[in-house]
Protein backbone atom coordinates (compact mmCIF):
# COMPACT_ATOMS: atom_id res chain seq x y z
CA MET A 1 28.73 165.26 107.83
CA LYS A 2 31.01 163.14 109.95
CA LEU A 3 31.93 161.15 106.88
CA PHE A 4 32.96 164.27 104.97
CA GLU A 5 34.88 165.58 108.02
CA LYS A 6 36.77 162.28 108.25
CA LYS A 7 37.71 162.45 104.57
CA GLU A 8 38.86 166.07 104.96
CA THR A 9 41.06 165.21 107.94
CA GLU A 10 42.59 162.29 106.04
CA ALA A 11 43.24 164.56 103.06
CA GLN A 12 44.91 167.13 105.34
CA GLU A 13 47.09 164.47 106.97
CA GLY A 14 48.05 163.17 103.53
CA ALA A 15 48.95 166.67 102.43
CA GLN A 16 51.00 167.29 105.58
CA ALA A 17 52.86 163.96 105.35
CA PRO A 18 56.23 164.35 103.65
CA PRO A 19 56.66 162.51 100.37
CA ARG A 20 58.45 159.19 100.60
CA GLU A 21 61.94 159.19 99.29
CA PRO A 22 62.75 156.48 96.81
CA LYS A 23 65.02 153.79 98.21
CA GLN A 24 68.51 154.19 97.02
CA LYS A 25 70.34 151.06 96.00
CA GLN A 26 73.34 150.47 98.14
CA PRO A 27 76.48 150.07 96.10
CA ARG A 28 77.90 146.58 96.16
CA PRO A 29 81.19 146.28 97.96
CA LYS A 30 84.01 146.05 95.51
CA LYS A 31 85.99 142.88 95.59
CA GLU A 32 89.59 143.39 96.40
CA ARG A 33 91.79 142.20 93.61
CA LYS A 34 94.75 140.23 94.73
CA PRO A 35 97.97 141.42 93.16
CA ILE A 36 99.48 139.01 90.67
CA VAL A 37 102.92 137.98 91.84
CA LEU A 38 105.22 136.55 89.18
CA SER A 39 108.05 134.34 90.31
CA HIS A 40 111.54 134.68 88.88
CA GLU A 41 111.23 131.29 87.21
CA LEU A 42 108.03 132.38 85.44
CA ILE A 43 109.62 135.62 84.23
CA ILE A 44 112.66 133.76 82.88
CA LEU A 45 110.38 131.24 81.15
CA ALA A 46 108.32 134.05 79.57
CA ILE A 47 111.49 135.75 78.27
CA PHE A 48 112.79 132.44 76.88
CA LEU A 49 109.47 131.69 75.13
CA THR A 50 109.40 135.22 73.70
CA PHE A 51 112.90 134.74 72.31
CA LEU A 52 111.93 131.41 70.75
CA ALA A 53 108.78 132.98 69.26
CA VAL A 54 110.78 135.83 67.71
CA MET A 55 113.32 133.41 66.22
CA THR A 56 110.48 131.25 64.89
CA ILE A 57 108.87 134.27 63.16
CA ILE A 58 112.22 135.27 61.64
CA GLY A 59 112.74 131.72 60.40
CA ILE A 60 109.29 131.64 58.79
CA ALA A 61 109.66 135.10 57.23
CA TYR A 62 113.09 134.31 55.73
CA ASP A 63 112.62 130.62 55.16
CA ASP A 64 113.94 130.65 51.58
CA GLU A 65 117.01 132.71 52.51
CA PHE A 66 118.03 130.43 55.37
CA PHE A 67 116.69 126.99 54.44
CA GLY A 68 115.79 127.08 50.73
CA ALA A 69 117.42 124.78 48.16
CA ALA A 70 119.01 127.78 46.41
CA THR A 71 119.73 129.75 49.53
CA ASP A 72 121.94 132.80 49.07
CA TYR A 73 122.75 133.22 52.75
CA ASP A 74 126.32 134.46 53.06
CA PRO A 75 127.50 135.11 56.60
CA GLY A 76 130.58 136.96 55.35
CA SER A 77 133.77 137.29 57.32
CA ILE A 78 134.38 139.41 60.42
CA ASP A 79 138.05 138.36 60.87
CA ASN A 80 137.09 136.68 64.16
CA LYS A 81 136.89 132.92 64.15
CA TYR A 82 134.33 132.78 66.97
CA LEU A 83 131.99 135.34 65.37
CA ASP A 84 132.49 133.80 61.95
CA TRP A 85 131.54 130.38 63.32
CA THR A 86 128.47 131.88 65.04
CA ASN A 87 127.34 133.55 61.80
CA GLN A 88 127.68 130.30 59.91
CA GLN A 89 125.50 128.51 62.48
CA ILE A 90 122.62 131.05 62.39
CA PRO A 91 120.38 128.81 60.21
CA HIS A 92 120.94 125.88 62.60
CA ILE A 93 120.22 128.09 65.62
CA ILE A 94 117.01 129.43 64.06
CA ARG A 95 115.83 125.92 63.15
CA SER A 96 116.61 124.69 66.69
CA CYS A 97 114.64 127.59 68.16
CA GLN A 98 111.67 126.71 65.95
CA ILE A 99 111.76 123.09 67.14
CA LEU A 100 112.07 124.14 70.79
CA PHE A 101 109.19 126.62 70.41
CA VAL A 102 106.89 123.97 68.96
CA ALA A 103 107.90 121.52 71.72
CA ALA A 104 107.25 124.18 74.40
CA ILE A 105 103.80 124.91 72.96
CA LEU A 106 103.00 121.19 73.00
CA PHE A 107 104.17 120.87 76.62
CA ILE A 108 102.01 123.85 77.65
CA GLY A 109 99.05 122.34 75.78
CA LEU A 110 99.52 119.05 77.63
CA LYS A 111 99.61 120.96 80.94
CA PHE A 112 96.30 122.69 80.17
CA LEU A 113 94.80 119.40 78.99
CA GLN A 114 95.77 117.74 82.25
CA ARG A 115 94.11 120.53 84.24
CA PHE A 116 91.02 120.39 82.03
CA ILE A 117 90.67 116.64 82.56
CA GLY A 118 90.83 117.06 86.36
CA ASP A 119 88.05 115.08 88.02
CA LYS A 120 85.46 115.57 85.26
CA THR A 121 86.06 112.54 83.10
CA SER A 122 85.94 108.85 83.85
CA PHE A 123 88.98 108.11 81.65
CA ARG A 124 91.28 110.49 83.52
CA THR A 125 93.63 107.67 84.62
CA ALA A 126 94.33 106.46 81.07
CA ALA A 127 94.46 110.07 79.85
CA LYS A 128 97.11 111.04 82.41
CA LEU A 129 99.17 107.98 81.54
CA MET A 130 98.98 108.86 77.83
CA ILE A 131 99.99 112.45 78.65
CA SER A 132 103.00 111.10 80.50
CA PHE A 133 103.95 108.96 77.48
CA THR A 134 103.43 111.94 75.14
CA ARG A 135 105.81 114.13 77.15
CA TYR A 136 108.61 111.64 76.78
CA ALA A 137 107.82 111.20 73.07
CA ILE A 138 107.89 114.98 72.43
CA PHE A 139 111.19 115.28 74.28
CA ILE A 140 112.86 112.47 72.29
CA ILE A 141 111.49 113.62 68.91
CA ALA A 142 112.58 117.23 69.58
CA ILE A 143 116.14 116.07 70.33
CA LEU A 144 116.24 114.04 67.11
CA PHE A 145 115.01 116.99 65.02
CA ILE A 146 117.54 119.35 66.62
CA LEU A 147 120.37 116.91 65.90
CA THR A 148 119.16 116.68 62.30
CA ALA A 149 119.12 120.48 62.05
CA TRP A 150 122.78 120.54 63.06
CA GLY A 151 123.68 118.01 60.38
CA ALA A 152 123.84 114.84 62.49
CA ASP A 153 122.98 111.52 60.82
CA THR A 154 120.02 110.44 62.95
CA ARG A 155 119.70 107.09 61.19
CA THR A 156 123.14 106.08 62.35
CA LEU A 157 122.29 107.42 65.80
CA LEU A 158 119.08 105.37 65.93
CA VAL A 159 120.90 102.20 64.94
CA SER A 160 123.58 102.89 67.54
CA ALA A 161 120.86 103.73 70.05
CA GLY A 162 119.19 100.40 69.30
CA ILE A 163 122.36 98.47 70.03
CA LEU A 164 123.06 100.64 73.07
CA GLY A 165 119.45 100.25 74.20
CA LEU A 166 119.79 96.48 74.04
CA ILE A 167 122.86 96.66 76.26
CA ILE A 168 121.21 99.10 78.65
CA GLY A 169 117.97 97.12 78.62
CA LEU A 170 119.73 94.16 80.17
CA GLY A 171 120.62 96.37 83.10
CA ALA A 172 117.35 98.33 83.14
CA GLN A 173 114.95 95.45 83.51
CA SER A 174 113.31 97.08 86.54
CA LEU A 175 112.49 100.21 84.50
CA ILE A 176 110.91 98.12 81.74
CA ALA A 177 109.03 96.11 84.37
CA ASP A 178 107.69 99.37 85.89
CA ILE A 179 106.46 100.60 82.50
CA ILE A 180 104.73 97.31 81.65
CA ALA A 181 103.21 97.07 85.13
CA GLY A 182 101.86 100.63 84.80
CA MET A 183 100.16 99.73 81.52
CA PHE A 184 98.56 96.64 83.08
CA ILE A 185 97.37 98.66 86.09
CA VAL A 186 95.57 101.16 83.84
CA PHE A 187 94.05 98.76 81.34
CA ASP A 188 93.08 96.10 83.90
CA GLY A 189 91.41 98.75 86.07
CA GLU A 190 92.92 97.61 89.37
CA TYR A 191 92.64 101.20 90.56
CA LYS A 192 92.36 104.63 89.01
CA VAL A 193 93.16 108.21 89.89
CA GLY A 194 91.02 109.29 92.85
CA ASP A 195 90.63 105.80 94.36
CA VAL A 196 91.60 105.15 97.97
CA ILE A 197 93.90 102.14 98.14
CA VAL A 198 96.11 100.33 100.64
CA VAL A 199 99.54 99.25 99.37
CA ASN A 200 102.08 97.73 101.75
CA SER A 201 100.12 99.06 104.76
CA TRP A 202 100.10 102.58 103.25
CA ARG A 203 96.60 104.00 102.89
CA GLY A 204 96.03 106.96 100.60
CA THR A 205 94.40 108.44 97.52
CA VAL A 206 95.85 107.75 94.09
CA GLU A 207 97.04 111.13 92.81
CA GLU A 208 98.77 110.04 89.63
CA ILE A 209 99.70 106.89 87.73
CA GLY A 210 102.89 107.46 85.73
CA ILE A 211 104.75 105.23 83.36
CA ARG A 212 107.17 104.26 86.14
CA THR A 213 105.63 105.11 89.51
CA THR A 214 102.28 105.56 91.23
CA LYS A 215 101.79 108.66 93.40
CA ILE A 216 99.71 108.13 96.57
CA VAL A 217 98.73 110.88 99.04
CA ASP A 218 97.51 110.03 102.55
CA THR A 219 95.11 112.06 104.69
CA GLY A 220 98.01 113.98 106.24
CA GLY A 221 99.21 115.22 102.85
CA ASN A 222 102.24 112.91 102.81
CA ILE A 223 103.15 111.70 99.33
CA LYS A 224 104.53 108.26 98.59
CA TYR A 225 105.94 107.16 95.23
CA ILE A 226 105.80 103.41 94.62
CA ASN A 227 107.32 101.70 91.60
CA ASN A 228 104.57 100.09 89.55
CA SER A 229 106.37 96.74 89.50
CA HIS A 230 106.45 96.72 93.32
CA ILE A 231 102.66 96.97 93.59
CA SER A 232 101.71 93.32 93.86
CA GLU A 233 98.86 93.36 96.38
CA VAL A 234 96.38 96.23 96.40
CA ILE A 235 93.28 96.77 98.53
CA ASN A 236 90.93 99.12 96.67
CA LYS A 237 88.72 100.79 99.24
CA SER A 238 86.73 102.84 96.71
CA GLN A 239 85.07 99.97 94.86
CA ASP A 240 82.55 99.38 97.66
CA LEU A 241 81.29 100.88 100.90
CA SER A 242 83.68 100.92 103.84
CA LEU A 243 83.03 99.41 107.25
CA VAL A 244 83.39 101.27 110.55
CA SER A 245 83.16 99.53 113.92
CA SER A 246 82.68 100.51 117.52
CA THR A 247 82.72 98.46 120.73
CA LEU A 248 80.56 99.13 123.77
CA CYS A 249 81.77 97.56 127.00
CA ILE A 250 79.11 96.81 129.61
CA PRO A 251 79.74 95.45 133.12
CA TYR A 252 79.00 91.83 133.95
CA GLU A 253 76.43 93.07 136.46
CA ALA A 254 74.33 94.58 133.65
CA ASN A 255 71.35 92.64 132.32
CA LEU A 256 72.23 91.73 128.72
CA ILE A 257 68.62 91.12 127.64
CA GLU A 258 67.50 94.48 129.02
CA THR A 259 70.46 96.23 127.40
CA GLU A 260 69.77 94.69 123.98
CA LEU A 261 66.11 95.80 124.07
CA LYS A 262 67.18 99.35 124.96
CA ILE A 263 69.69 99.27 122.09
CA LYS A 264 66.88 98.15 119.75
CA GLU A 265 64.83 101.21 120.69
CA TYR A 266 67.77 103.61 120.43
CA ILE A 267 69.41 102.60 117.11
CA PRO A 268 66.72 104.33 114.92
CA LYS A 269 67.64 107.62 116.63
CA ILE A 270 71.24 107.25 115.47
CA MET A 271 70.06 106.57 111.90
CA GLN A 272 68.05 109.80 111.91
CA ARG A 273 70.83 111.91 113.45
CA GLU A 274 73.77 110.71 111.36
CA PRO A 275 73.27 110.78 107.56
CA ILE A 276 76.97 109.98 107.14
CA PHE A 277 76.10 106.29 107.54
CA VAL A 278 74.91 104.79 104.26
CA GLU A 279 73.76 101.61 106.03
CA GLY A 280 73.36 100.95 109.73
CA PRO A 281 74.47 101.14 112.39
CA PHE A 282 73.85 97.46 113.18
CA TYR A 283 74.13 95.69 116.49
CA LYS A 284 76.33 92.63 115.84
CA GLY A 285 76.02 91.03 119.28
CA VAL A 286 78.52 89.98 121.92
CA GLU A 287 81.99 90.26 120.43
CA ALA A 288 83.99 89.13 123.47
CA MET A 289 83.88 88.60 127.20
CA SER A 290 86.98 90.31 128.46
CA ALA A 291 88.44 90.47 131.94
CA SER A 292 86.22 93.28 133.19
CA SER A 293 83.38 93.65 130.69
CA VAL A 294 81.13 92.13 128.06
CA ASP A 295 81.99 93.72 124.70
CA LEU A 296 79.14 94.55 122.31
CA MET A 297 79.99 95.22 118.66
CA PHE A 298 78.38 97.79 116.34
CA HIS A 299 79.00 98.14 112.60
CA ALA A 300 78.01 100.72 109.99
CA LEU A 301 78.75 101.26 106.30
CA CYS A 302 79.85 104.57 104.81
CA LYS A 303 81.54 106.02 101.74
CA GLU A 304 85.30 105.62 101.71
CA GLU A 305 85.90 109.38 101.68
CA ASP A 306 83.85 109.58 104.91
CA TYR A 307 85.67 106.70 106.64
CA PHE A 308 87.44 108.62 109.42
CA PRO A 309 84.56 111.04 110.20
CA ALA A 310 82.11 108.10 110.19
CA ARG A 311 84.27 106.09 112.58
CA ARG A 312 84.44 109.00 115.00
CA ALA A 313 80.69 109.62 114.62
CA LEU A 314 79.89 105.97 115.42
CA ASN A 315 82.07 106.03 118.56
CA ARG A 316 80.37 109.25 119.65
CA GLU A 317 76.86 107.93 119.08
CA VAL A 318 77.58 104.67 120.90
CA TYR A 319 78.94 106.59 123.86
CA ILE A 320 75.91 108.92 123.93
CA MET A 321 73.62 105.91 123.73
CA ALA A 322 75.39 104.28 126.68
CA ASN A 323 74.82 107.39 128.79
CA GLU A 324 71.17 107.79 127.80
CA ILE A 325 70.15 104.17 128.37
CA GLY A 326 72.02 104.03 131.68
CA ILE A 327 75.04 101.83 130.94
CA ASN A 328 78.06 102.28 133.19
CA ILE A 329 81.18 101.57 131.18
CA PRO A 330 83.39 99.48 133.49
CA PHE A 331 87.04 100.01 134.29
CA ASP A 332 89.60 97.24 134.05
CA GLN A 333 89.42 94.94 137.02
CA LEU A 334 90.98 91.63 137.96
CA VAL A 335 88.06 90.11 139.85
CA VAL A 336 84.63 89.64 138.27
CA HIS A 337 81.97 90.09 140.93
CA MET A 338 78.44 89.01 140.04
CA ASP A 339 75.96 91.01 142.12
CA ASN A 340 72.39 90.16 141.17
CA SER A 341 70.99 92.87 143.43
CA GLU A 342 72.20 95.59 141.02
CA ARG A 343 70.25 94.22 138.10
CA GLY A 344 67.17 96.30 139.05
CA GLU A 345 63.56 95.33 138.75
CA PHE A 346 63.81 94.13 135.17
CA SER A 347 62.85 90.47 134.97
CA ASN A 348 64.01 88.02 132.32
CA SER A 349 60.63 86.61 131.47
CA ALA A 350 60.24 84.28 128.52
CA ARG A 351 58.47 87.01 126.59
CA THR A 352 61.19 89.64 127.06
CA GLN A 353 63.92 87.11 126.31
CA LYS A 354 62.13 86.18 123.10
CA LYS A 355 62.00 89.85 122.07
CA ALA A 356 65.73 90.22 122.63
CA ASP A 357 66.43 86.99 120.72
CA VAL A 358 64.31 88.19 117.78
CA PHE A 359 66.14 91.52 117.75
CA VAL A 360 69.57 89.89 117.79
CA LYS A 361 68.61 87.51 114.96
CA GLU A 362 67.16 90.38 112.89
CA GLN A 363 70.39 92.35 113.28
CA GLN A 364 72.49 89.33 112.38
CA GLU A 365 70.42 88.73 109.25
CA ALA A 366 70.50 92.40 108.22
CA SER A 367 74.31 92.58 108.58
CA LYS A 368 75.33 89.04 107.68
CA ASP A 369 77.67 90.27 104.90
CA ILE A 370 79.24 92.97 107.05
CA GLU A 371 82.25 91.85 109.04
CA ALA A 372 85.30 93.73 110.25
CA SER A 373 87.89 91.27 108.89
CA ASN A 374 88.36 88.24 106.68
CA ASP A 375 89.25 85.93 109.58
């Protein structure tokens, strides 16, 4: 009976309980669309391109009337010499607009191609240089076609330009040297777009390699243009890992053997905490004995794009290590006072000294190819 009563009470509670309402999906917040702001230059360019497009369509539609061998185009006379001259030049104007429209489309295509290349392809340096060459070629060819449309003898102009170019070339040797140097830079692979290089003490990322200049941007966003022929010595930082260094100064009263053993135990903690270091950090040993301290050197390797953050991270970790292992960083002082009573209870037994010697030798072997300079 109790079982049936329990079932009845459960049925009554289920009947009394209100039905669950289905969960309503919350509408997603609508993204605010930023208004498109067109600059005056862009509006003028759009109007100019529209005009060229209309003239190009007219020229194609009435090609035979304007440019055919048996053209019957007759501008007529308006009894105004300026308007009469303008009417006579309509075919030349239409042909010039067609040439300019094609050149504009090619320039826009090159702009999109340069954006598409971006950082996706490995041949972006050579591609950007070829785009730069193509722009100049389009510009020169368009001028020659426009002159031909207006009845100029381009052959005579080219011959004259050749003689003039020879004269100018004698005075434009630096320009020719820049162009040739730019070609050698690209094809020899000294550096490419995106590499971090040092040129004449200027450190920055290669933004663009043109036919005359190389554009370099430093970490502060400053842009420097260097003539290709002036780039004689280049340090390419992106071809290998970069080295960061940090110095820890310990007082002369500190026990060096004890300090080195504590460093040995602490370095693995830095490796676990800081993934920015590709290799290291390594303890290089005693770098110098200055007026008020013994200087210990630490090195680590990182990617070039992480150079400045890695250098700051290494300094921070070395300072934290000094605090945790109980090293008092000394101030500058003129007198070196050796007080053996402050060394503590740590004893330099043969066994402990051997451990420190083994650690120092292991670190030297592990970082034998890592040095801060070429001295």
